[in-house]
Amino acid sequence: MEFLVAGVTAFLLVVPVELPDKTFMATLVLSTRYRPGPVWIGVTLAFGIQCLVAVVAGRLISLLPQRPVQLVAAGLFLLGAILLIRSARRAAAEELAREREYERMVSVRAPRSGISAALASFGVLFVAEWGDLSQLLTAGLVARGSHPVAVFAGSWAALAVISAAAVLLGRVLMRYVSLAIVQYIGATVCALLALVTVVAAFN
């Protein structure tokens, strides 16, 4: 049961954080240049490596004294909430800027080979996502004591789902889903996790 709760928590935390983020925009732009299948495979493999690194980092942090670690994890969640609230206020302008940025990154002619497209997509997302908010929150979940394998599975599944949504429904979602509201939801989840972690630290 604990495993399932940790995985679902990671999934529900990462989805609202990444839906309006550069992950979504980069995958959307890549899918306009290359075939959707190889794009999804490439970005999902990149996310797998990054989730693994975040989980290992969180696990190493969790070996330190418990209370300081929990307070650091709470700080990461609070930072996530603040960043999401700030981003929500200028969501539309930021998404346009990100789309243009990634269009420049993948402005080369689309390769014919599926492997080439997957490698190009892997490279773009692998470079772009280091230090991303989802990585920090994944590390924070593991640091506060959540099951590492479950957090890895939940975070990676969330990123894979977001990438699939970007590839298949990107333009439709951008037209009908309020990115600002999604970010406010993510901020609320992060703030609640920060509060729960602080309470746990002092209990």
N, C-alpha and C. Protein backbone atom coordinates (compact mmCIF):
# COMPACT_ATOMS: atom_id res chain seq x y z
N MET A 1 0.83 -1.21 0.00
CA MET A 1 0.00 0.00 0.00
C MET A 1 0.86 1.26 0.00
N GLU A 2 1.91 1.23 0.82
CA GLU A 2 2.83 2.37 0.88
C GLU A 2 3.46 2.62 -0.48
N PHE A 3 3.81 1.54 -1.18
CA PHE A 3 4.42 1.64 -2.51
C PHE A 3 3.47 2.35 -3.46
N LEU A 4 2.21 1.93 -3.45
CA LEU A 4 1.21 2.51 -4.35
C LEU A 4 0.98 3.99 -4.04
N VAL A 5 0.88 4.31 -2.76
CA VAL A 5 0.65 5.70 -2.36
C VAL A 5 1.81 6.59 -2.82
N ALA A 6 3.05 6.10 -2.64
CA ALA A 6 4.22 6.88 -3.05
C ALA A 6 4.23 7.10 -4.56
N GLY A 7 3.90 6.05 -5.32
CA GLY A 7 3.88 6.19 -6.77
C GLY A 7 2.81 7.13 -7.26
N VAL A 8 1.61 7.01 -6.70
CA VAL A 8 0.51 7.90 -7.10
C VAL A 8 0.80 9.34 -6.70
N THR A 9 1.38 9.53 -5.52
CA THR A 9 1.74 10.88 -5.08
C THR A 9 2.73 11.52 -6.04
N ALA A 10 3.75 10.77 -6.42
CA ALA A 10 4.74 11.29 -7.37
C ALA A 10 4.08 11.65 -8.71
N PHE A 11 3.22 10.77 -9.18
CA PHE A 11 2.53 11.01 -10.45
C PHE A 11 1.68 12.28 -10.37
N LEU A 12 0.88 12.39 -9.30
CA LEU A 12 -0.02 13.54 -9.17
C LEU A 12 0.72 14.84 -8.92
N LEU A 13 1.93 14.75 -8.38
CA LEU A 13 2.72 15.96 -8.16
C LEU A 13 3.39 16.42 -9.45
N VAL A 14 3.91 15.49 -10.22
CA VAL A 14 4.68 15.85 -11.42
C VAL A 14 3.78 16.31 -12.56
N VAL A 15 2.59 15.72 -12.71
CA VAL A 15 1.73 16.08 -13.84
C VAL A 15 1.39 17.57 -13.86
N PRO A 16 0.85 18.16 -12.79
CA PRO A 16 0.54 19.60 -12.87
C PRO A 16 1.77 20.49 -12.93
N VAL A 17 2.91 19.98 -12.46
CA VAL A 17 4.14 20.75 -12.54
C VAL A 17 4.66 20.80 -13.97
N GLU A 18 4.55 19.69 -14.69
CA GLU A 18 5.15 19.58 -16.02
C GLU A 18 4.20 19.90 -17.17
N LEU A 19 2.90 19.85 -16.94
CA LEU A 19 1.98 20.09 -18.06
C LEU A 19 2.21 21.44 -18.73
N PRO A 20 2.37 22.52 -17.95
CA PRO A 20 2.61 23.79 -18.62
C PRO A 20 4.10 24.12 -18.75
N ASP A 21 4.98 23.17 -18.47
CA ASP A 21 6.39 23.47 -18.38
C ASP A 21 7.09 23.24 -19.71
N LYS A 22 8.43 23.44 -19.70
CA LYS A 22 9.20 23.31 -20.92
C LYS A 22 9.19 21.88 -21.47
N THR A 23 8.98 20.90 -20.61
CA THR A 23 8.85 19.52 -21.07
C THR A 23 7.77 19.41 -22.14
N PHE A 24 6.60 19.95 -21.82
CA PHE A 24 5.47 19.89 -22.73
C PHE A 24 5.77 20.64 -24.02
N MET A 25 6.32 21.86 -23.87
CA MET A 25 6.57 22.69 -25.05
C MET A 25 7.64 22.07 -25.95
N ALA A 26 8.71 21.56 -25.35
CA ALA A 26 9.78 20.96 -26.15
C ALA A 26 9.27 19.76 -26.93
N THR A 27 8.48 18.91 -26.27
CA THR A 27 7.94 17.72 -26.95
C THR A 27 6.97 18.12 -28.04
N LEU A 28 6.17 19.13 -27.79
CA LEU A 28 5.23 19.62 -28.79
C LEU A 28 5.96 20.10 -30.03
N VAL A 29 7.00 20.90 -29.84
CA VAL A 29 7.76 21.42 -30.98
C VAL A 29 8.47 20.29 -31.72
N LEU A 30 9.06 19.36 -30.97
CA LEU A 30 9.73 18.22 -31.61
C LEU A 30 8.76 17.41 -32.47
N SER A 31 7.53 17.27 -31.99
CA SER A 31 6.55 16.46 -32.72
C SER A 31 6.09 17.14 -34.00
N THR A 32 6.35 18.43 -34.14
CA THR A 32 6.03 19.11 -35.41
C THR A 32 7.15 18.95 -36.42
N ARG A 33 8.33 18.51 -35.95
CA ARG A 33 9.49 18.35 -36.83
C ARG A 33 9.74 16.89 -37.21
N TYR A 34 9.43 15.99 -36.28
CA TYR A 34 9.71 14.58 -36.48
C TYR A 34 8.44 13.75 -36.31
N ARG A 35 8.53 12.48 -36.62
CA ARG A 35 7.39 11.59 -36.42
C ARG A 35 7.10 11.42 -34.93
N PRO A 36 5.83 11.38 -34.54
CA PRO A 36 5.47 11.35 -33.12
C PRO A 36 6.05 10.18 -32.34
N GLY A 37 6.04 8.97 -32.93
CA GLY A 37 6.52 7.79 -32.22
C GLY A 37 7.96 7.91 -31.74
N PRO A 38 8.90 8.17 -32.66
CA PRO A 38 10.29 8.33 -32.23
C PRO A 38 10.50 9.47 -31.26
N VAL A 39 9.75 10.56 -31.42
CA VAL A 39 9.86 11.68 -30.47
C VAL A 39 9.51 11.21 -29.07
N TRP A 40 8.39 10.50 -28.94
CA TRP A 40 7.94 10.05 -27.63
C TRP A 40 8.95 9.08 -27.01
N ILE A 41 9.48 8.17 -27.81
CA ILE A 41 10.46 7.22 -27.31
C ILE A 41 11.71 7.96 -26.82
N GLY A 42 12.20 8.90 -27.62
CA GLY A 42 13.41 9.63 -27.25
C GLY A 42 13.27 10.43 -25.98
N VAL A 43 12.17 11.20 -25.87
CA VAL A 43 12.01 12.05 -24.67
C VAL A 43 11.73 11.19 -23.44
N THR A 44 11.01 10.08 -23.60
CA THR A 44 10.71 9.22 -22.46
C THR A 44 11.97 8.57 -21.92
N LEU A 45 12.88 8.16 -22.79
CA LEU A 45 14.16 7.61 -22.33
C LEU A 45 14.98 8.67 -21.60
N ALA A 46 14.97 9.90 -22.10
CA ALA A 46 15.69 10.98 -21.42
C ALA A 46 15.12 11.21 -20.03
N PHE A 47 13.79 11.20 -19.93
CA PHE A 47 13.15 11.39 -18.63
C PHE A 47 13.48 10.25 -17.67
N GLY A 48 13.60 9.03 -18.20
CA GLY A 48 13.92 7.90 -17.35
C GLY A 48 15.26 8.08 -16.65
N ILE A 49 16.26 8.54 -17.41
CA ILE A 49 17.58 8.77 -16.82
C ILE A 49 17.52 9.88 -15.79
N GLN A 50 16.80 10.95 -16.10
CA GLN A 50 16.73 12.08 -15.18
C GLN A 50 15.97 11.74 -13.91
N CYS A 51 14.91 10.95 -14.04
CA CYS A 51 14.18 10.50 -12.84
C CYS A 51 15.08 9.62 -11.98
N LEU A 52 15.86 8.77 -12.61
CA LEU A 52 16.76 7.89 -11.86
C LEU A 52 17.78 8.72 -11.08
N VAL A 53 18.35 9.73 -11.72
CA VAL A 53 19.33 10.59 -11.04
C VAL A 53 18.68 11.32 -9.87
N ALA A 54 17.45 11.81 -10.08
CA ALA A 54 16.75 12.53 -9.01
C ALA A 54 16.47 11.60 -7.82
N VAL A 55 16.06 10.37 -8.10
CA VAL A 55 15.77 9.41 -7.04
C VAL A 55 17.04 9.06 -6.28
N VAL A 56 18.14 8.83 -6.98
CA VAL A 56 19.42 8.52 -6.32
C VAL A 56 19.85 9.69 -5.44
N ALA A 57 19.71 10.92 -5.96
CA ALA A 57 20.06 12.10 -5.16
C ALA A 57 19.21 12.19 -3.91
N GLY A 58 17.92 11.96 -4.07
CA GLY A 58 17.02 11.99 -2.93
C GLY A 58 17.35 10.92 -1.91
N ARG A 59 17.72 9.74 -2.40
CA ARG A 59 18.08 8.64 -1.50
C ARG A 59 19.35 8.97 -0.72
N LEU A 60 20.33 9.57 -1.37
CA LEU A 60 21.56 9.95 -0.68
C LEU A 60 21.29 11.02 0.38
N ILE A 61 20.42 11.96 0.05
CA ILE A 61 20.05 13.01 1.01
C ILE A 61 19.35 12.39 2.22
N SER A 62 18.53 11.37 1.97
CA SER A 62 17.76 10.75 3.06
C SER A 62 18.64 10.04 4.08
N LEU A 63 19.90 9.78 3.75
CA LEU A 63 20.81 9.12 4.68
C LEU A 63 21.35 10.08 5.73
N LEU A 64 21.15 11.37 5.52
CA LEU A 64 21.57 12.38 6.49
C LEU A 64 20.59 12.41 7.67
N PRO A 65 20.90 13.15 8.74
CA PRO A 65 19.98 13.24 9.88
C PRO A 65 18.56 13.62 9.46
N GLN A 66 17.58 12.96 10.07
CA GLN A 66 16.21 12.99 9.57
C GLN A 66 15.58 14.39 9.56
N ARG A 67 15.64 15.11 10.67
CA ARG A 67 14.93 16.39 10.74
C ARG A 67 15.46 17.41 9.73
N PRO A 68 16.79 17.61 9.63
CA PRO A 68 17.28 18.55 8.60
C PRO A 68 16.86 18.14 7.18
N VAL A 69 16.90 16.83 6.93
CA VAL A 69 16.51 16.34 5.60
C VAL A 69 15.05 16.67 5.31
N GLN A 70 14.17 16.43 6.29
CA GLN A 70 12.76 16.72 6.08
C GLN A 70 12.50 18.21 5.89
N LEU A 71 13.26 19.03 6.60
CA LEU A 71 13.11 20.48 6.43
C LEU A 71 13.59 20.93 5.05
N VAL A 72 14.67 20.31 4.58
CA VAL A 72 15.14 20.61 3.22
C VAL A 72 14.10 20.17 2.19
N ALA A 73 13.52 18.99 2.39
CA ALA A 73 12.48 18.51 1.48
C ALA A 73 11.28 19.46 1.49
N ALA A 74 10.90 19.91 2.68
CA ALA A 74 9.80 20.87 2.77
C ALA A 74 10.14 22.15 2.04
N GLY A 75 11.40 22.57 2.15
CA GLY A 75 11.84 23.77 1.43
C GLY A 75 11.74 23.60 -0.08
N LEU A 76 12.08 22.40 -0.57
CA LEU A 76 11.96 22.14 -2.01
C LEU A 76 10.51 22.22 -2.47
N PHE A 77 9.60 21.65 -1.66
CA PHE A 77 8.18 21.71 -2.02
C PHE A 77 7.68 23.16 -1.99
N LEU A 78 8.11 23.92 -0.97
CA LEU A 78 7.69 25.32 -0.88
C LEU A 78 8.24 26.12 -2.04
N LEU A 79 9.49 25.86 -2.41
CA LEU A 79 10.08 26.53 -3.57
C LEU A 79 9.28 26.22 -4.83
N GLY A 80 8.88 24.96 -4.96
CA GLY A 80 8.05 24.58 -6.12
C GLY A 80 6.75 25.35 -6.15
N ALA A 81 6.11 25.49 -5.00
CA ALA A 81 4.84 26.23 -4.93
C ALA A 81 5.04 27.69 -5.35
N ILE A 82 6.11 28.31 -4.85
CA ILE A 82 6.38 29.72 -5.17
C ILE A 82 6.65 29.89 -6.66
N LEU A 83 7.48 29.02 -7.21
CA LEU A 83 7.82 29.12 -8.63
C LEU A 83 6.58 28.93 -9.51
N LEU A 84 5.72 27.99 -9.14
CA LEU A 84 4.52 27.75 -9.93
C LEU A 84 3.55 28.94 -9.86
N ILE A 85 3.41 29.54 -8.69
CA ILE A 85 2.52 30.70 -8.56
C ILE A 85 3.05 31.86 -9.40
N ARG A 86 4.36 32.09 -9.33
CA ARG A 86 4.94 33.17 -10.13
C ARG A 86 4.78 32.90 -11.61
N SER A 87 4.98 31.65 -12.00
CA SER A 87 4.87 31.29 -13.42
C SER A 87 3.44 31.40 -13.92
N ALA A 88 2.47 31.07 -13.06
CA ALA A 88 1.05 31.11 -13.46
C ALA A 88 0.62 32.51 -13.84
N ARG A 89 1.22 33.52 -13.26
CA ARG A 89 0.83 34.90 -13.53
C ARG A 89 1.24 35.36 -14.92
N ARG A 90 2.22 34.67 -15.49
CA ARG A 90 2.67 35.07 -16.83
C ARG A 90 2.74 33.85 -17.75
N ALA A 91 1.80 32.93 -17.56
CA ALA A 91 1.82 31.65 -18.26
C ALA A 91 1.80 31.80 -19.78
N ALA A 92 0.89 32.61 -20.30
CA ALA A 92 0.73 32.70 -21.76
C ALA A 92 2.00 33.21 -22.43
N ALA A 93 2.57 34.29 -21.89
CA ALA A 93 3.77 34.86 -22.49
C ALA A 93 4.94 33.89 -22.40
N GLU A 94 5.05 33.19 -21.27
CA GLU A 94 6.15 32.24 -21.10
C GLU A 94 6.04 31.07 -22.07
N GLU A 95 4.82 30.58 -22.28
CA GLU A 95 4.66 29.44 -23.20
C GLU A 95 5.03 29.83 -24.63
N LEU A 96 4.68 31.05 -25.04
CA LEU A 96 5.04 31.50 -26.37
C LEU A 96 6.56 31.61 -26.49
N ALA A 97 7.21 32.15 -25.48
CA ALA A 97 8.67 32.29 -25.50
C ALA A 97 9.34 30.92 -25.54
N ARG A 98 8.82 29.98 -24.76
CA ARG A 98 9.40 28.64 -24.75
C ARG A 98 9.23 27.96 -26.09
N GLU A 99 8.07 28.13 -26.68
CA GLU A 99 7.83 27.49 -27.99
C GLU A 99 8.83 28.02 -29.01
N ARG A 100 9.07 29.32 -29.02
CA ARG A 100 10.03 29.90 -29.97
C ARG A 100 11.44 29.40 -29.68
N GLU A 101 11.78 29.26 -28.40
CA GLU A 101 13.10 28.77 -28.03
C GLU A 101 13.33 27.37 -28.56
N TYR A 102 12.37 26.49 -28.39
CA TYR A 102 12.54 25.12 -28.85
C TYR A 102 12.43 24.99 -30.36
N GLU A 103 11.70 25.90 -30.99
CA GLU A 103 11.68 25.90 -32.44
C GLU A 103 13.06 26.21 -32.99
N ARG A 104 13.79 27.08 -32.31
CA ARG A 104 15.17 27.38 -32.74
C ARG A 104 16.07 26.17 -32.50
N MET A 105 15.84 25.47 -31.40
CA MET A 105 16.69 24.31 -31.07
C MET A 105 16.52 23.17 -32.06
N VAL A 106 15.32 23.03 -32.64
CA VAL A 106 15.07 21.92 -33.55
C VAL A 106 14.74 22.42 -34.95
N SER A 107 15.36 23.53 -35.31
CA SER A 107 15.05 24.15 -36.59
C SER A 107 15.67 23.42 -37.77
N VAL A 108 16.52 22.42 -37.49
CA VAL A 108 17.14 21.65 -38.57
C VAL A 108 16.08 20.80 -39.27
N ARG A 109 16.40 20.38 -40.48
CA ARG A 109 15.48 19.55 -41.25
C ARG A 109 15.27 18.20 -40.58
N ALA A 110 14.04 17.75 -40.52
CA ALA A 110 13.71 16.51 -39.82
C ALA A 110 14.36 15.31 -40.50
N PRO A 111 15.03 14.46 -39.76
CA PRO A 111 15.65 13.28 -40.36
C PRO A 111 14.60 12.24 -40.75
N ARG A 112 14.95 11.41 -41.72
CA ARG A 112 14.02 10.37 -42.16
C ARG A 112 14.02 9.19 -41.21
N SER A 113 15.15 8.88 -40.63
CA SER A 113 15.27 7.70 -39.78
C SER A 113 14.57 7.90 -38.45
N GLY A 114 13.80 6.86 -38.04
CA GLY A 114 13.15 6.93 -36.74
C GLY A 114 14.16 6.98 -35.61
N ILE A 115 15.28 6.26 -35.77
CA ILE A 115 16.32 6.26 -34.74
C ILE A 115 16.93 7.65 -34.61
N SER A 116 17.16 8.30 -35.74
CA SER A 116 17.73 9.66 -35.71
C SER A 116 16.79 10.63 -35.01
N ALA A 117 15.50 10.50 -35.30
CA ALA A 117 14.52 11.37 -34.66
C ALA A 117 14.47 11.12 -33.15
N ALA A 118 14.52 9.86 -32.76
CA ALA A 118 14.49 9.52 -31.33
C ALA A 118 15.74 10.05 -30.63
N LEU A 119 16.90 9.92 -31.28
CA LEU A 119 18.14 10.43 -30.68
C LEU A 119 18.13 11.95 -30.57
N ALA A 120 17.60 12.62 -31.60
CA ALA A 120 17.51 14.08 -31.55
C ALA A 120 16.59 14.53 -30.42
N SER A 121 15.46 13.85 -30.26
CA SER A 121 14.50 14.18 -29.20
C SER A 121 15.12 13.90 -27.83
N PHE A 122 15.81 12.77 -27.73
CA PHE A 122 16.50 12.44 -26.48
C PHE A 122 17.49 13.54 -26.11
N GLY A 123 18.26 13.98 -27.09
CA GLY A 123 19.28 14.99 -26.83
C GLY A 123 18.70 16.31 -26.37
N VAL A 124 17.64 16.77 -27.03
CA VAL A 124 17.03 18.05 -26.67
C VAL A 124 16.49 18.01 -25.25
N LEU A 125 15.73 16.97 -24.91
CA LEU A 125 15.13 16.89 -23.57
C LEU A 125 16.16 16.58 -22.50
N PHE A 126 17.16 15.79 -22.85
CA PHE A 126 18.19 15.45 -21.87
C PHE A 126 18.94 16.70 -21.43
N VAL A 127 19.22 17.59 -22.37
CA VAL A 127 19.93 18.83 -22.06
C VAL A 127 19.02 19.82 -21.35
N ALA A 128 17.77 19.90 -21.80
CA ALA A 128 16.87 20.95 -21.32
C ALA A 128 16.34 20.73 -19.91
N GLU A 129 16.27 19.49 -19.45
CA GLU A 129 15.53 19.19 -18.24
C GLU A 129 16.35 19.12 -16.96
N TRP A 130 17.68 19.25 -17.02
CA TRP A 130 18.46 19.14 -15.80
C TRP A 130 18.14 20.28 -14.85
N GLY A 131 17.93 19.94 -13.58
CA GLY A 131 17.59 20.96 -12.59
C GLY A 131 16.17 21.44 -12.68
N ASP A 132 15.34 20.71 -13.43
CA ASP A 132 13.94 21.09 -13.59
C ASP A 132 13.19 20.88 -12.28
N LEU A 133 12.07 21.59 -12.15
CA LEU A 133 11.28 21.51 -10.92
C LEU A 133 10.83 20.09 -10.62
N SER A 134 10.47 19.33 -11.64
CA SER A 134 10.02 17.96 -11.40
C SER A 134 11.15 17.11 -10.81
N GLN A 135 12.39 17.36 -11.23
CA GLN A 135 13.52 16.64 -10.65
C GLN A 135 13.70 16.97 -9.17
N LEU A 136 13.59 18.26 -8.85
CA LEU A 136 13.74 18.68 -7.45
C LEU A 136 12.65 18.06 -6.58
N LEU A 137 11.43 18.05 -7.09
CA LEU A 137 10.32 17.50 -6.31
C LEU A 137 10.43 15.98 -6.17
N THR A 138 10.91 15.32 -7.22
CA THR A 138 11.13 13.87 -7.14
C THR A 138 12.17 13.55 -6.07
N ALA A 139 13.28 14.30 -6.08
CA ALA A 139 14.31 14.11 -5.06
C ALA A 139 13.74 14.40 -3.67
N GLY A 140 12.90 15.42 -3.58
CA GLY A 140 12.30 15.78 -2.29
C GLY A 140 11.40 14.68 -1.75
N LEU A 141 10.64 14.05 -2.61
CA LEU A 141 9.77 12.95 -2.17
C LEU A 141 10.57 11.80 -1.59
N VAL A 142 11.67 11.45 -2.28
CA VAL A 142 12.51 10.35 -1.79
C VAL A 142 13.20 10.76 -0.49
N ALA A 143 13.67 12.01 -0.43
CA ALA A 143 14.37 12.48 0.77
C ALA A 143 13.47 12.45 2.00
N ARG A 144 12.18 12.69 1.80
CA ARG A 144 11.28 12.71 2.96
C ARG A 144 10.81 11.31 3.37
N GLY A 145 11.28 10.28 2.64
CA GLY A 145 11.02 8.92 3.07
C GLY A 145 10.12 8.09 2.18
N SER A 146 9.66 8.62 1.07
CA SER A 146 8.83 7.84 0.16
C SER A 146 9.65 6.74 -0.51
N HIS A 147 8.99 5.66 -0.90
CA HIS A 147 9.67 4.52 -1.50
C HIS A 147 10.35 4.94 -2.81
N PRO A 148 11.68 4.78 -2.92
CA PRO A 148 12.40 5.28 -4.11
C PRO A 148 11.91 4.70 -5.43
N VAL A 149 11.69 3.39 -5.46
CA VAL A 149 11.26 2.76 -6.72
C VAL A 149 9.87 3.25 -7.11
N ALA A 150 8.99 3.40 -6.13
CA ALA A 150 7.64 3.89 -6.41
C ALA A 150 7.67 5.33 -6.91
N VAL A 151 8.52 6.15 -6.30
CA VAL A 151 8.64 7.55 -6.74
C VAL A 151 9.19 7.61 -8.16
N PHE A 152 10.19 6.78 -8.43
CA PHE A 152 10.75 6.72 -9.79
C PHE A 152 9.66 6.35 -10.79
N ALA A 153 8.91 5.29 -10.48
CA ALA A 153 7.86 4.83 -11.40
C ALA A 153 6.79 5.89 -11.59
N GLY A 154 6.35 6.53 -10.51
CA GLY A 154 5.31 7.54 -10.61
C GLY A 154 5.77 8.77 -11.39
N SER A 155 6.99 9.24 -11.11
CA SER A 155 7.51 10.41 -11.80
C SER A 155 7.73 10.13 -13.28
N TRP A 156 8.32 8.99 -13.58
CA TRP A 156 8.58 8.65 -14.97
C TRP A 156 7.27 8.45 -15.74
N ALA A 157 6.30 7.80 -15.10
CA ALA A 157 4.99 7.62 -15.76
C ALA A 157 4.33 8.97 -16.03
N ALA A 158 4.43 9.90 -15.08
CA ALA A 158 3.84 11.22 -15.29
C ALA A 158 4.48 11.93 -16.46
N LEU A 159 5.80 11.87 -16.56
CA LEU A 159 6.50 12.53 -17.66
C LEU A 159 6.20 11.86 -18.99
N ALA A 160 6.06 10.53 -18.97
CA ALA A 160 5.70 9.81 -20.20
C ALA A 160 4.30 10.20 -20.66
N VAL A 161 3.37 10.34 -19.71
CA VAL A 161 2.00 10.72 -20.06
C VAL A 161 1.96 12.15 -20.61
N ILE A 162 2.69 13.06 -19.96
CA ILE A 162 2.74 14.45 -20.43
C ILE A 162 3.32 14.51 -21.84
N SER A 163 4.37 13.73 -22.08
CA SER A 163 4.98 13.71 -23.41
C SER A 163 4.02 13.16 -24.45
N ALA A 164 3.29 12.10 -24.10
CA ALA A 164 2.30 11.54 -25.03
C ALA A 164 1.21 12.55 -25.32
N ALA A 165 0.77 13.28 -24.29
CA ALA A 165 -0.25 14.31 -24.50
C ALA A 165 0.25 15.41 -25.42
N ALA A 166 1.53 15.79 -25.24
CA ALA A 166 2.10 16.83 -26.09
C ALA A 166 2.18 16.37 -27.55
N VAL A 167 2.59 15.11 -27.74
CA VAL A 167 2.73 14.58 -29.10
C VAL A 167 1.38 14.44 -29.78
N LEU A 168 0.38 13.94 -29.05
CA LEU A 168 -0.90 13.61 -29.67
C LEU A 168 -1.91 14.76 -29.64
N LEU A 169 -1.91 15.53 -28.54
CA LEU A 169 -2.98 16.51 -28.34
C LEU A 169 -2.46 17.90 -27.97
N GLY A 170 -1.20 18.15 -28.25
CA GLY A 170 -0.56 19.37 -27.76
C GLY A 170 -1.31 20.64 -28.08
N ARG A 171 -1.61 20.87 -29.35
CA ARG A 171 -2.27 22.12 -29.75
C ARG A 171 -3.67 22.22 -29.17
N VAL A 172 -4.38 21.11 -29.12
CA VAL A 172 -5.74 21.13 -28.57
C VAL A 172 -5.71 21.48 -27.09
N LEU A 173 -4.78 20.85 -26.34
CA LEU A 173 -4.68 21.13 -24.92
C LEU A 173 -4.32 22.59 -24.66
N MET A 174 -3.42 23.13 -25.46
CA MET A 174 -3.03 24.53 -25.26
C MET A 174 -4.19 25.48 -25.52
N ARG A 175 -5.10 25.05 -26.41
CA ARG A 175 -6.23 25.92 -26.74
C ARG A 175 -7.31 25.88 -25.68
N TYR A 176 -7.52 24.72 -25.06
CA TYR A 176 -8.69 24.55 -24.18
C TYR A 176 -8.36 24.40 -22.69
N VAL A 177 -7.10 24.16 -22.35
CA VAL A 177 -6.72 23.99 -20.95
C VAL A 177 -6.02 25.25 -20.47
N SER A 178 -6.49 25.81 -19.36
CA SER A 178 -5.85 26.99 -18.79
C SER A 178 -4.57 26.57 -18.08
N LEU A 179 -3.43 26.95 -18.65
CA LEU A 179 -2.16 26.58 -18.05
C LEU A 179 -1.97 27.23 -16.69
N ALA A 180 -2.52 28.43 -16.53
CA ALA A 180 -2.40 29.12 -15.25
C ALA A 180 -3.12 28.33 -14.14
N ILE A 181 -4.31 27.82 -14.45
CA ILE A 181 -5.05 27.04 -13.44
C ILE A 181 -4.30 25.77 -13.08
N VAL A 182 -3.72 25.10 -14.08
CA VAL A 182 -2.94 23.89 -13.83
C VAL A 182 -1.77 24.20 -12.91
N GLN A 183 -1.14 25.34 -13.14
CA GLN A 183 0.01 25.72 -12.31
C GLN A 183 -0.42 26.04 -10.88
N TYR A 184 -1.58 26.68 -10.72
CA TYR A 184 -2.08 26.96 -9.37
C TYR A 184 -2.40 25.67 -8.63
N ILE A 185 -2.93 24.68 -9.35
CA ILE A 185 -3.20 23.38 -8.73
C ILE A 185 -1.89 22.74 -8.28
N GLY A 186 -0.89 22.77 -9.14
CA GLY A 186 0.42 22.23 -8.78
C GLY A 186 1.02 22.95 -7.58
N ALA A 187 0.85 24.27 -7.53
CA ALA A 187 1.38 25.05 -6.40
C ALA A 187 0.69 24.64 -5.10
N THR A 188 -0.61 24.41 -5.18
CA THR A 188 -1.36 23.99 -3.98
C THR A 188 -0.87 22.64 -3.47
N VAL A 189 -0.65 21.70 -4.40
CA VAL A 189 -0.15 20.37 -4.01
C VAL A 189 1.22 20.50 -3.36
N CYS A 190 2.10 21.31 -3.94
CA CYS A 190 3.44 21.50 -3.39
C CYS A 190 3.38 22.12 -2.00
N ALA A 191 2.51 23.12 -1.82
CA ALA A 191 2.38 23.77 -0.52
C ALA A 191 1.88 22.80 0.54
N LEU A 192 0.92 21.95 0.17
CA LEU A 192 0.42 20.95 1.11
C LEU A 192 1.50 19.96 1.51
N LEU A 193 2.30 19.52 0.53
CA LEU A 193 3.40 18.60 0.84
C LEU A 193 4.43 19.26 1.74
N ALA A 194 4.69 20.55 1.52
CA ALA A 194 5.63 21.27 2.38
C ALA A 194 5.12 21.30 3.81
N LEU A 195 3.82 21.58 3.98
CA LEU A 195 3.24 21.64 5.31
C LEU A 195 3.29 20.28 6.01
N VAL A 196 2.90 19.23 5.29
CA VAL A 196 2.90 17.88 5.87
C VAL A 196 4.32 17.47 6.26
N THR A 197 5.29 17.82 5.44
CA THR A 197 6.67 17.44 5.72
C THR A 197 7.21 18.18 6.95
N VAL A 198 6.88 19.46 7.09
CA VAL A 198 7.31 20.22 8.27
C VAL A 198 6.69 19.62 9.53
N VAL A 199 5.42 19.31 9.49
CA VAL A 199 4.74 18.71 10.65
C VAL A 199 5.42 17.39 11.01
N ALA A 200 5.72 16.58 9.99
CA ALA A 200 6.38 15.28 10.25
C ALA A 200 7.76 15.48 10.87
N ALA A 201 8.46 16.53 10.43
CA ALA A 201 9.82 16.77 10.93
C ALA A 201 9.82 17.05 12.43
N PHE A 202 8.78 17.71 12.93
CA PHE A 202 8.75 18.08 14.34
C PHE A 202 7.94 17.11 15.20
N ASN A 203 7.44 16.05 14.56
CA ASN A 203 6.76 15.00 15.31
C ASN A 203 7.65 13.78 15.48
